[in-house]
């Protein structure tokens, strides 16, 4: 299970660091991101998001040769994925289901030309496919962290 957790976190780390930089149409729109956000802003976002995943990944790697992760280590890992999960829900899913301010909708306009599979809900922000995959990875890391917490 630790090997799977390391693999999942490694892919998540690369995803967090690179998804605003490497064009992968129709799943992202780098030109729209460049028009919306400065390179510095995107760099800071990639750096912060990368570090949020790198810390628990590093802790997990320390335990790679063991059958489980200590409860103390999980107490450090779990808050990272819990906070990331809360962030995804508040920034994408609450606005999708319940709506958001015009300012929030305008901030997400840079994603309007990206691939989506979820149905529109009025004029609410629609999570695009890339972010749905990203959120599933984050939530999977949270679930595995909870598994280790209750089985430590």
N, C-alpha and C. Protein backbone atom coordinates (compact mmCIF):
# COMPACT_ATOMS: atom_id res chain seq x y z
N UNK A 1 0.83 -1.20 0.00
CA UNK A 1 0.00 0.00 0.00
C UNK A 1 0.87 1.26 0.00
N UNK A 2 2.01 1.21 0.69
CA UNK A 2 2.89 2.38 0.73
C UNK A 2 3.42 2.70 -0.66
N UNK A 3 3.75 1.65 -1.43
CA UNK A 3 4.26 1.87 -2.80
C UNK A 3 3.20 2.56 -3.66
N UNK A 4 1.97 2.14 -3.55
CA UNK A 4 0.87 2.77 -4.30
C UNK A 4 0.71 4.22 -3.86
N UNK A 5 0.79 4.45 -2.55
CA UNK A 5 0.66 5.80 -2.02
C UNK A 5 1.79 6.70 -2.54
N UNK A 6 3.01 6.19 -2.57
CA UNK A 6 4.14 6.96 -3.09
C UNK A 6 3.93 7.26 -4.57
N UNK A 7 3.50 6.28 -5.32
CA UNK A 7 3.26 6.47 -6.76
C UNK A 7 2.17 7.52 -6.99
N UNK A 8 1.06 7.40 -6.28
CA UNK A 8 -0.04 8.35 -6.41
C UNK A 8 0.40 9.77 -6.05
N UNK A 9 1.15 9.91 -4.97
CA UNK A 9 1.62 11.23 -4.56
C UNK A 9 2.66 11.79 -5.55
N UNK A 10 3.48 10.92 -6.12
CA UNK A 10 4.48 11.38 -7.10
C UNK A 10 3.80 11.93 -8.35
N UNK A 11 2.79 11.21 -8.83
CA UNK A 11 2.03 11.68 -9.99
C UNK A 11 1.31 12.98 -9.64
N UNK A 12 0.73 13.05 -8.45
CA UNK A 12 0.06 14.27 -8.01
C UNK A 12 1.04 15.43 -7.95
N UNK A 13 2.23 15.19 -7.42
CA UNK A 13 3.25 16.25 -7.36
C UNK A 13 3.57 16.78 -8.76
N UNK A 14 3.83 15.88 -9.69
CA UNK A 14 4.14 16.30 -11.06
C UNK A 14 2.96 17.05 -11.67
N UNK A 15 1.77 16.56 -11.44
CA UNK A 15 0.55 17.19 -11.93
C UNK A 15 0.45 18.63 -11.40
N UNK A 16 0.65 18.79 -10.08
CA UNK A 16 0.52 20.10 -9.44
C UNK A 16 1.56 21.09 -9.97
N UNK A 17 2.76 20.60 -10.22
CA UNK A 17 3.85 21.47 -10.64
C UNK A 17 3.77 21.83 -12.12
N UNK A 18 3.27 20.92 -12.94
CA UNK A 18 3.38 21.09 -14.40
C UNK A 18 2.10 21.47 -15.12
N UNK A 19 0.93 21.30 -14.52
CA UNK A 19 -0.31 21.45 -15.30
C UNK A 19 -0.58 22.88 -15.78
N UNK A 20 0.06 23.87 -15.20
CA UNK A 20 -0.11 25.24 -15.67
C UNK A 20 0.99 25.66 -16.66
N UNK A 21 1.86 24.72 -17.02
CA UNK A 21 3.01 25.06 -17.86
C UNK A 21 3.09 24.27 -19.16
N UNK A 22 2.66 23.04 -19.13
CA UNK A 22 2.78 22.18 -20.31
C UNK A 22 1.43 22.10 -21.02
N UNK A 23 1.38 22.54 -22.28
CA UNK A 23 0.11 22.50 -23.02
C UNK A 23 -0.35 21.06 -23.22
N UNK A 24 -1.61 20.86 -22.95
CA UNK A 24 -2.23 19.54 -23.13
C UNK A 24 -3.68 19.74 -23.57
N UNK A 25 -3.84 20.40 -24.77
CA UNK A 25 -5.19 20.66 -25.23
C UNK A 25 -5.95 19.36 -25.46
N UNK A 26 -7.19 19.29 -25.21
CA UNK A 26 -8.10 20.35 -24.77
C UNK A 26 -8.25 20.44 -23.25
N UNK A 27 -7.35 19.77 -22.51
CA UNK A 27 -7.51 19.69 -21.06
C UNK A 27 -7.01 20.91 -20.31
N UNK A 28 -6.11 21.66 -20.92
CA UNK A 28 -5.73 22.95 -20.35
C UNK A 28 -5.57 23.96 -21.48
N UNK A 29 -5.54 25.21 -21.13
CA UNK A 29 -5.41 26.30 -22.09
C UNK A 29 -4.32 27.23 -21.58
N UNK A 30 -3.09 26.89 -21.90
CA UNK A 30 -1.95 27.64 -21.38
C UNK A 30 -1.99 29.09 -21.83
N UNK A 31 -2.42 29.34 -23.06
CA UNK A 31 -2.48 30.73 -23.55
C UNK A 31 -3.47 31.55 -22.72
N UNK A 32 -4.62 30.98 -22.36
CA UNK A 32 -5.58 31.69 -21.51
C UNK A 32 -5.00 31.93 -20.12
N UNK A 33 -4.26 30.95 -19.61
CA UNK A 33 -3.61 31.14 -18.31
C UNK A 33 -2.58 32.26 -18.38
N UNK A 34 -1.81 32.31 -19.47
CA UNK A 34 -0.81 33.36 -19.63
C UNK A 34 -1.46 34.74 -19.71
N UNK A 35 -2.61 34.81 -20.38
CA UNK A 35 -3.31 36.10 -20.47
C UNK A 35 -3.90 36.50 -19.12
N UNK A 36 -4.31 35.53 -18.33
CA UNK A 36 -4.97 35.79 -17.06
C UNK A 36 -3.99 36.01 -15.91
N UNK A 37 -2.93 35.22 -15.87
CA UNK A 37 -2.00 35.23 -14.74
C UNK A 37 -0.57 35.42 -15.24
N UNK A 38 0.20 36.19 -14.50
CA UNK A 38 1.60 36.40 -14.87
C UNK A 38 2.39 35.11 -14.66
N UNK A 39 3.54 35.03 -15.32
CA UNK A 39 4.41 33.87 -15.12
C UNK A 39 4.81 33.74 -13.66
N UNK A 40 5.06 34.87 -13.00
CA UNK A 40 5.44 34.86 -11.59
C UNK A 40 4.32 34.28 -10.73
N UNK A 41 3.08 34.70 -10.98
CA UNK A 41 1.93 34.21 -10.23
C UNK A 41 1.76 32.70 -10.44
N UNK A 42 1.91 32.26 -11.69
CA UNK A 42 1.79 30.83 -11.97
C UNK A 42 2.93 30.05 -11.32
N UNK A 43 4.14 30.62 -11.32
CA UNK A 43 5.28 29.97 -10.67
C UNK A 43 5.04 29.81 -9.17
N UNK A 44 4.58 30.89 -8.53
CA UNK A 44 4.31 30.83 -7.09
C UNK A 44 3.22 29.79 -6.80
N UNK A 45 2.17 29.77 -7.61
CA UNK A 45 1.11 28.78 -7.43
C UNK A 45 1.63 27.36 -7.59
N UNK A 46 2.44 27.13 -8.62
CA UNK A 46 3.01 25.79 -8.84
C UNK A 46 3.95 25.41 -7.69
N UNK A 47 4.73 26.37 -7.22
CA UNK A 47 5.66 26.12 -6.13
C UNK A 47 4.91 25.75 -4.84
N UNK A 48 3.93 26.55 -4.48
CA UNK A 48 3.17 26.29 -3.25
C UNK A 48 2.43 24.97 -3.35
N UNK A 49 1.72 24.74 -4.46
CA UNK A 49 0.99 23.48 -4.62
C UNK A 49 1.94 22.29 -4.63
N UNK A 50 3.09 22.46 -5.26
CA UNK A 50 4.09 21.39 -5.27
C UNK A 50 4.60 21.07 -3.88
N UNK A 51 4.89 22.09 -3.10
CA UNK A 51 5.39 21.88 -1.74
C UNK A 51 4.34 21.23 -0.85
N UNK A 52 3.07 21.58 -1.08
CA UNK A 52 1.99 20.99 -0.28
C UNK A 52 1.93 19.47 -0.50
N UNK A 53 2.35 19.01 -1.65
CA UNK A 53 2.36 17.57 -1.93
C UNK A 53 3.73 16.96 -1.63
N UNK A 54 4.80 17.73 -1.82
CA UNK A 54 6.15 17.21 -1.61
C UNK A 54 6.40 16.85 -0.15
N UNK A 55 5.87 17.61 0.78
CA UNK A 55 6.09 17.32 2.20
C UNK A 55 5.53 15.95 2.58
N UNK A 56 4.23 15.68 2.34
CA UNK A 56 3.74 14.34 2.70
C UNK A 56 4.38 13.23 1.86
N UNK A 57 4.73 13.52 0.62
CA UNK A 57 5.41 12.53 -0.21
C UNK A 57 6.75 12.16 0.41
N UNK A 58 7.49 13.14 0.85
CA UNK A 58 8.79 12.89 1.47
C UNK A 58 8.64 12.07 2.74
N UNK A 59 7.66 12.40 3.56
CA UNK A 59 7.41 11.63 4.78
C UNK A 59 7.07 10.19 4.43
N UNK A 60 6.26 9.99 3.41
CA UNK A 60 5.88 8.64 3.00
C UNK A 60 7.09 7.86 2.50
N UNK A 61 7.95 8.51 1.74
CA UNK A 61 9.16 7.85 1.21
C UNK A 61 10.04 7.34 2.35
N UNK A 62 10.09 8.08 3.44
CA UNK A 62 10.89 7.65 4.59
C UNK A 62 10.41 6.28 5.09
N UNK A 63 9.13 6.00 4.95
CA UNK A 63 8.54 4.74 5.42
C UNK A 63 8.42 3.67 4.33
N UNK A 64 9.01 3.90 3.18
CA UNK A 64 8.79 3.02 2.03
C UNK A 64 9.17 1.56 2.26
N UNK A 65 10.11 1.28 3.15
CA UNK A 65 10.54 -0.10 3.38
C UNK A 65 9.78 -0.77 4.53
N UNK A 66 8.75 -0.11 5.03
CA UNK A 66 7.98 -0.67 6.13
C UNK A 66 6.58 -1.06 5.65
N UNK A 67 5.89 -1.82 6.46
CA UNK A 67 4.55 -2.27 6.08
C UNK A 67 3.49 -1.19 6.29
N UNK A 68 3.76 -0.26 7.18
CA UNK A 68 2.79 0.80 7.46
C UNK A 68 3.54 2.08 7.81
N UNK A 69 2.79 3.13 7.93
CA UNK A 69 3.34 4.44 8.30
C UNK A 69 2.92 4.69 9.73
N UNK A 70 3.83 5.22 10.54
CA UNK A 70 3.51 5.45 11.95
C UNK A 70 2.37 6.46 12.09
N UNK A 71 1.65 6.34 13.19
CA UNK A 71 0.53 7.26 13.42
C UNK A 71 1.03 8.70 13.55
N UNK A 72 2.23 8.90 14.07
CA UNK A 72 2.80 10.25 14.17
C UNK A 72 3.03 10.83 12.78
N UNK A 73 3.58 10.03 11.88
CA UNK A 73 3.82 10.51 10.50
C UNK A 73 2.50 10.82 9.81
N UNK A 74 1.51 9.97 10.00
CA UNK A 74 0.20 10.20 9.39
C UNK A 74 -0.43 11.48 9.92
N UNK A 75 -0.18 11.80 11.18
CA UNK A 75 -0.70 13.04 11.75
C UNK A 75 -0.09 14.26 11.08
N UNK A 76 1.08 14.10 10.46
CA UNK A 76 1.68 15.18 9.68
C UNK A 76 1.17 15.16 8.24
N UNK A 77 0.96 13.98 7.69
CA UNK A 77 0.53 13.84 6.29
C UNK A 77 -0.94 14.24 6.11
N UNK A 78 -1.80 13.74 6.97
CA UNK A 78 -3.24 13.93 6.84
C UNK A 78 -3.68 15.38 6.69
N UNK A 79 -3.16 16.32 7.48
CA UNK A 79 -3.63 17.71 7.33
C UNK A 79 -3.36 18.31 5.94
N UNK A 80 -2.28 17.89 5.29
CA UNK A 80 -2.00 18.40 3.95
C UNK A 80 -3.11 18.02 2.98
N UNK A 81 -3.51 16.75 2.99
CA UNK A 81 -4.54 16.30 2.06
C UNK A 81 -5.93 16.74 2.49
N UNK A 82 -6.12 16.92 3.78
CA UNK A 82 -7.39 17.44 4.26
C UNK A 82 -7.57 18.89 3.81
N UNK A 83 -6.53 19.71 3.95
CA UNK A 83 -6.62 21.11 3.52
C UNK A 83 -6.76 21.22 2.00
N UNK A 84 -6.01 20.41 1.26
CA UNK A 84 -6.16 20.40 -0.20
C UNK A 84 -7.58 20.01 -0.60
N UNK A 85 -8.14 19.02 0.08
CA UNK A 85 -9.50 18.58 -0.22
C UNK A 85 -10.52 19.68 0.06
N UNK A 86 -10.36 20.34 1.18
CA UNK A 86 -11.25 21.46 1.51
C UNK A 86 -11.14 22.55 0.45
N UNK A 87 -9.91 22.84 0.03
CA UNK A 87 -9.69 23.84 -1.02
C UNK A 87 -10.37 23.49 -2.32
N UNK A 88 -10.29 22.22 -2.73
CA UNK A 88 -10.93 21.81 -3.99
C UNK A 88 -12.44 21.93 -3.90
N UNK A 89 -12.98 21.53 -2.77
CA UNK A 89 -14.43 21.59 -2.60
C UNK A 89 -14.92 23.04 -2.60
N UNK A 90 -14.23 23.89 -1.87
CA UNK A 90 -14.66 25.30 -1.77
C UNK A 90 -14.45 26.08 -3.06
N UNK A 91 -13.38 25.78 -3.79
CA UNK A 91 -13.11 26.58 -4.99
C UNK A 91 -13.82 26.07 -6.23
N UNK A 92 -14.12 24.76 -6.31
CA UNK A 92 -14.73 24.20 -7.52
C UNK A 92 -16.13 23.63 -7.30
N UNK A 93 -16.29 22.82 -6.27
CA UNK A 93 -17.52 22.04 -6.14
C UNK A 93 -18.67 22.81 -5.51
N UNK A 94 -18.40 23.60 -4.51
CA UNK A 94 -19.47 24.45 -3.95
C UNK A 94 -19.97 25.43 -5.02
N UNK A 95 -19.06 26.12 -5.74
CA UNK A 95 -19.54 27.01 -6.81
C UNK A 95 -20.27 26.27 -7.93
N UNK A 96 -19.87 25.03 -8.21
CA UNK A 96 -20.56 24.27 -9.26
C UNK A 96 -21.99 23.96 -8.85
N UNK A 97 -22.18 23.50 -7.64
CA UNK A 97 -23.52 23.11 -7.19
C UNK A 97 -24.38 24.28 -6.71
N UNK A 98 -23.76 25.26 -6.08
CA UNK A 98 -24.55 26.30 -5.43
C UNK A 98 -24.34 27.70 -6.00
N UNK A 99 -23.42 27.86 -6.93
CA UNK A 99 -23.16 29.17 -7.51
C UNK A 99 -22.10 29.93 -6.73
N UNK A 100 -21.66 31.03 -7.31
CA UNK A 100 -20.62 31.85 -6.69
C UNK A 100 -20.76 33.28 -7.17
N UNK A 101 -19.92 34.11 -6.65
CA UNK A 101 -19.96 35.53 -7.02
C UNK A 101 -19.50 35.72 -8.47
N UNK A 102 -19.82 36.87 -9.01
CA UNK A 102 -19.38 37.19 -10.37
C UNK A 102 -17.85 37.25 -10.42
N UNK A 103 -17.22 37.75 -9.38
CA UNK A 103 -15.75 37.82 -9.34
C UNK A 103 -15.14 36.41 -9.40
N UNK A 104 -15.73 35.47 -8.69
CA UNK A 104 -15.25 34.09 -8.72
C UNK A 104 -15.42 33.51 -10.12
N UNK A 105 -16.56 33.74 -10.72
CA UNK A 105 -16.81 33.23 -12.07
C UNK A 105 -15.81 33.82 -13.07
N UNK A 106 -15.52 35.10 -12.93
CA UNK A 106 -14.56 35.74 -13.83
C UNK A 106 -13.16 35.19 -13.65
N UNK A 107 -12.80 34.86 -12.40
CA UNK A 107 -11.47 34.28 -12.14
C UNK A 107 -11.32 32.91 -12.80
N UNK A 108 -12.43 32.20 -12.99
CA UNK A 108 -12.40 30.88 -13.59
C UNK A 108 -12.68 30.91 -15.09
N UNK A 109 -12.82 32.09 -15.64
CA UNK A 109 -13.07 32.26 -17.07
C UNK A 109 -11.92 31.68 -17.91
N UNK A 110 -10.72 31.68 -17.35
CA UNK A 110 -9.54 31.17 -18.07
C UNK A 110 -9.67 29.67 -18.39
N UNK A 111 -10.62 28.98 -17.76
CA UNK A 111 -10.82 27.56 -18.00
C UNK A 111 -11.97 27.27 -18.97
N UNK A 112 -12.57 28.31 -19.53
CA UNK A 112 -13.79 28.12 -20.33
C UNK A 112 -13.57 27.29 -21.60
N UNK A 113 -12.36 27.27 -22.15
CA UNK A 113 -12.10 26.52 -23.38
C UNK A 113 -11.47 25.16 -23.12
N UNK A 114 -11.55 24.69 -21.90
CA UNK A 114 -10.98 23.38 -21.59
C UNK A 114 -12.09 22.32 -21.59
N UNK A 115 -11.67 21.08 -21.73
CA UNK A 115 -12.61 19.96 -21.81
C UNK A 115 -13.37 19.77 -20.50
N UNK A 116 -14.66 19.56 -20.63
CA UNK A 116 -15.54 19.28 -19.49
C UNK A 116 -16.47 18.15 -19.86
N UNK A 117 -16.86 17.39 -18.88
CA UNK A 117 -17.85 16.35 -19.13
C UNK A 117 -19.06 16.49 -18.21
N UNK A 118 -18.95 17.34 -17.19
CA UNK A 118 -20.08 17.55 -16.29
C UNK A 118 -21.09 18.49 -16.94
N UNK A 119 -22.36 18.29 -16.66
CA UNK A 119 -23.38 19.17 -17.26
C UNK A 119 -23.35 20.57 -16.62
N UNK A 120 -23.75 21.55 -17.41
CA UNK A 120 -23.84 22.92 -16.90
C UNK A 120 -24.95 23.00 -15.86
N UNK A 121 -24.73 23.83 -14.87
CA UNK A 121 -25.73 24.10 -13.84
C UNK A 121 -25.89 25.62 -13.80
N UNK A 122 -26.93 26.07 -14.47
CA UNK A 122 -27.16 27.51 -14.65
C UNK A 122 -25.88 28.13 -15.22
N UNK A 123 -25.42 29.24 -14.66
CA UNK A 123 -24.18 29.84 -15.15
C UNK A 123 -23.03 29.61 -14.16
N UNK A 124 -23.13 28.53 -13.40
CA UNK A 124 -22.12 28.21 -12.39
C UNK A 124 -20.81 27.77 -13.04
N UNK A 125 -19.73 27.90 -12.30
CA UNK A 125 -18.42 27.39 -12.72
C UNK A 125 -18.55 25.87 -12.87
N UNK A 126 -18.01 25.34 -13.98
CA UNK A 126 -18.05 23.89 -14.23
C UNK A 126 -16.63 23.34 -14.08
N UNK A 127 -16.42 22.38 -13.16
CA UNK A 127 -15.09 21.79 -13.05
C UNK A 127 -14.70 21.12 -14.37
N UNK A 128 -13.51 21.46 -14.86
CA UNK A 128 -13.07 20.85 -16.11
C UNK A 128 -12.46 19.48 -15.83
N UNK A 129 -12.26 18.71 -16.87
CA UNK A 129 -11.79 17.33 -16.75
C UNK A 129 -10.45 17.26 -16.03
N UNK A 130 -9.53 18.14 -16.37
CA UNK A 130 -8.21 18.14 -15.74
C UNK A 130 -8.34 18.31 -14.23
N UNK A 131 -9.17 19.24 -13.78
CA UNK A 131 -9.32 19.47 -12.35
C UNK A 131 -10.10 18.35 -11.67
N UNK A 132 -11.03 17.72 -12.36
CA UNK A 132 -11.73 16.57 -11.78
C UNK A 132 -10.73 15.45 -11.51
N UNK A 133 -9.84 15.18 -12.46
CA UNK A 133 -8.81 14.16 -12.27
C UNK A 133 -7.89 14.54 -11.12
N UNK A 134 -7.48 15.80 -11.09
CA UNK A 134 -6.63 16.30 -10.01
C UNK A 134 -7.31 16.13 -8.65
N UNK A 135 -8.58 16.47 -8.58
CA UNK A 135 -9.32 16.35 -7.32
C UNK A 135 -9.45 14.88 -6.90
N UNK A 136 -9.65 14.00 -7.86
CA UNK A 136 -9.74 12.57 -7.54
C UNK A 136 -8.42 12.06 -6.96
N UNK A 137 -7.32 12.55 -7.49
CA UNK A 137 -6.01 12.17 -6.95
C UNK A 137 -5.86 12.67 -5.51
N UNK A 138 -6.22 13.91 -5.27
CA UNK A 138 -6.12 14.49 -3.93
C UNK A 138 -7.00 13.71 -2.96
N UNK A 139 -8.23 13.44 -3.36
CA UNK A 139 -9.14 12.72 -2.48
C UNK A 139 -8.69 11.28 -2.24
N UNK A 140 -8.05 10.68 -3.23
CA UNK A 140 -7.49 9.34 -3.05
C UNK A 140 -6.35 9.37 -2.03
N UNK A 141 -5.51 10.39 -2.10
CA UNK A 141 -4.44 10.54 -1.11
C UNK A 141 -5.02 10.75 0.29
N UNK A 142 -6.09 11.51 0.38
CA UNK A 142 -6.76 11.70 1.67
C UNK A 142 -7.31 10.36 2.18
N UNK A 143 -7.94 9.60 1.32
CA UNK A 143 -8.51 8.31 1.72
C UNK A 143 -7.41 7.34 2.18
N UNK A 144 -6.31 7.30 1.47
CA UNK A 144 -5.21 6.42 1.87
C UNK A 144 -4.59 6.89 3.19
N UNK A 145 -4.50 8.19 3.38
CA UNK A 145 -4.00 8.73 4.65
C UNK A 145 -4.91 8.29 5.79
N UNK A 146 -6.21 8.37 5.58
CA UNK A 146 -7.16 7.93 6.60
C UNK A 146 -7.03 6.43 6.85
N UNK A 147 -6.81 5.66 5.79
CA UNK A 147 -6.60 4.22 5.94
C UNK A 147 -5.40 3.97 6.85
N UNK A 148 -4.29 4.64 6.58
CA UNK A 148 -3.09 4.46 7.41
C UNK A 148 -3.33 4.94 8.85
N UNK A 149 -4.11 6.01 9.02
CA UNK A 149 -4.39 6.51 10.36
C UNK A 149 -5.13 5.47 11.18
N UNK A 150 -6.13 4.84 10.58
CA UNK A 150 -6.95 3.88 11.32
C UNK A 150 -6.34 2.48 11.37
N UNK A 151 -5.26 2.26 10.61
CA UNK A 151 -4.60 0.94 10.62
C UNK A 151 -3.15 1.02 11.06
N UNK A 152 -2.79 2.09 11.74
CA UNK A 152 -1.39 2.26 12.20
C UNK A 152 -1.14 1.46 13.46
